[in-house]
Amino acid sequence: MVRDWIDRIARDWRFKRIIPAHFAAPINASKSDFLAAFAFLDDLLGERYVTRPSLSLLFTSLLGKAASYFPPDDMRTLSSLDQFLVSVGAVKKTVSGRKR
């Protein structure tokens, strides 16, 4: 089921960037990068897929530099969501991802 979802996303979506769950920054990523991120499932599910990250992502990983452009509309949305979650007590206020 999860593998089917991953394959559908890789097949149907034409994306150039991925925003990681921790929102550190959007990173340039290809279909093969997306598939490589879920390669650990192959062992769990007993399946083998060829998943090689793109050359640009490998260089980014090695050099420790990731894209750091944050679209303003996205940041306003995330900031608004953060303020709401803090106001209802769901999360503690943070500064640059660190608890105060």
Protein backbone atom coordinates (compact mmCIF):
# COMPACT_ATOMS: atom_id res chain seq x y z
CA MET A 1 0.00 0.00 0.00
CA VAL A 2 2.75 2.49 0.95
CA ARG A 3 4.90 1.34 -1.95
CA ASP A 4 1.95 1.85 -4.31
CA TRP A 5 1.52 5.41 -3.02
CA ILE A 6 5.22 6.14 -3.51
CA ASP A 7 5.16 4.73 -7.02
CA ARG A 8 2.03 6.76 -7.90
CA ILE A 9 3.61 9.99 -6.64
CA ALA A 10 6.82 9.31 -8.56
CA ARG A 11 4.89 8.41 -11.70
CA ASP A 12 2.20 11.12 -11.69
CA TRP A 13 3.77 14.18 -10.10
CA ARG A 14 6.24 16.37 -11.93
CA PHE A 15 8.17 17.96 -9.09
CA LYS A 16 11.54 19.66 -8.88
CA ARG A 17 11.71 20.33 -5.13
CA ILE A 18 10.68 18.64 -1.92
CA ILE A 19 9.99 20.36 1.40
CA PRO A 20 11.26 18.04 4.15
CA ALA A 21 9.00 17.34 7.13
CA HIS A 22 11.23 19.51 9.34
CA PHE A 23 10.81 22.46 6.91
CA ALA A 24 14.58 23.13 6.96
CA ALA A 25 14.43 24.23 3.34
CA PRO A 26 13.00 23.16 0.04
CA ILE A 27 15.57 20.94 -1.63
CA ASN A 28 16.03 20.29 -5.30
CA ALA A 29 14.98 16.72 -5.92
CA SER A 30 14.10 14.50 -8.83
CA LYS A 31 11.90 11.45 -9.17
CA SER A 32 14.91 9.23 -8.42
CA ASP A 33 15.70 11.26 -5.27
CA PHE A 34 12.13 10.78 -4.06
CA LEU A 35 12.30 7.04 -4.69
CA ALA A 36 15.72 6.81 -3.01
CA ALA A 37 14.30 8.43 0.13
CA PHE A 38 11.97 5.47 0.52
CA ALA A 39 14.47 2.77 -0.42
CA PHE A 40 14.50 1.53 3.20
CA LEU A 41 11.00 0.17 2.56
CA ASP A 42 12.38 -2.22 -0.02
CA ASP A 43 14.11 -4.19 2.74
CA LEU A 44 11.03 -4.13 4.95
CA LEU A 45 8.72 -5.18 2.13
CA GLY A 46 11.15 -7.62 0.56
CA GLU A 47 11.12 -5.77 -2.74
CA ARG A 48 13.99 -4.44 -4.76
CA TYR A 49 13.77 -1.22 -6.72
CA VAL A 50 16.68 0.58 -8.31
CA THR A 51 16.70 3.95 -6.58
CA ARG A 52 19.68 6.18 -7.12
CA PRO A 53 19.65 9.80 -6.00
CA SER A 54 20.52 12.39 -8.61
CA LEU A 55 24.06 13.69 -8.90
CA SER A 56 23.03 17.18 -7.77
CA LEU A 57 21.52 15.83 -4.54
CA LEU A 58 24.67 13.81 -3.85
CA PHE A 59 26.84 16.92 -4.25
CA THR A 60 24.46 18.91 -2.07
CA SER A 61 24.71 16.24 0.63
CA LEU A 62 28.48 16.09 0.43
CA LEU A 63 28.96 19.84 0.49
CA GLY A 64 26.39 20.36 3.22
CA LYS A 65 24.62 23.03 1.21
CA ALA A 66 20.93 22.88 0.49
CA ALA A 67 18.66 25.29 -1.28
CA SER A 68 17.53 27.94 1.15
CA TYR A 69 14.84 29.80 -0.77
CA PHE A 70 11.57 29.93 1.12
CA PRO A 71 8.58 31.15 -0.94
CA PRO A 72 7.01 34.08 0.97
CA ASP A 73 3.45 32.74 0.70
CA ASP A 74 4.54 29.39 2.10
CA MET A 75 6.37 31.05 4.97
CA ARG A 76 3.33 33.21 5.83
CA THR A 77 1.18 30.08 5.91
CA LEU A 78 3.66 28.21 8.10
CA SER A 79 4.07 31.22 10.40
CA SER A 80 0.31 31.55 10.76
CA LEU A 81 0.00 27.85 11.53
CA ASP A 82 2.82 28.12 14.07
CA GLN A 83 1.14 31.07 15.80
CA PHE A 84 -2.16 29.19 15.98
CA LEU A 85 -0.56 26.04 17.42
CA VAL A 86 1.27 28.11 20.04
CA SER A 87 -1.91 30.06 20.92
CA VAL A 88 -3.92 26.89 21.62
CA GLY A 89 -1.05 25.34 23.58
CA ALA A 90 -0.45 22.51 21.13
CA VAL A 91 3.25 23.41 20.84
CA LYS A 92 5.71 25.64 22.67
CA LYS A 93 7.00 28.80 21.07
CA THR A 94 10.25 28.28 19.18
CA VAL A 95 12.96 30.42 17.68
CA SER A 96 14.64 29.05 14.57
CA GLY A 97 13.37 25.58 15.38
CA ARG A 98 14.75 25.62 18.94
CA LYS A 99 12.60 25.74 22.06
CA ARG A 100 12.95 28.88 24.14
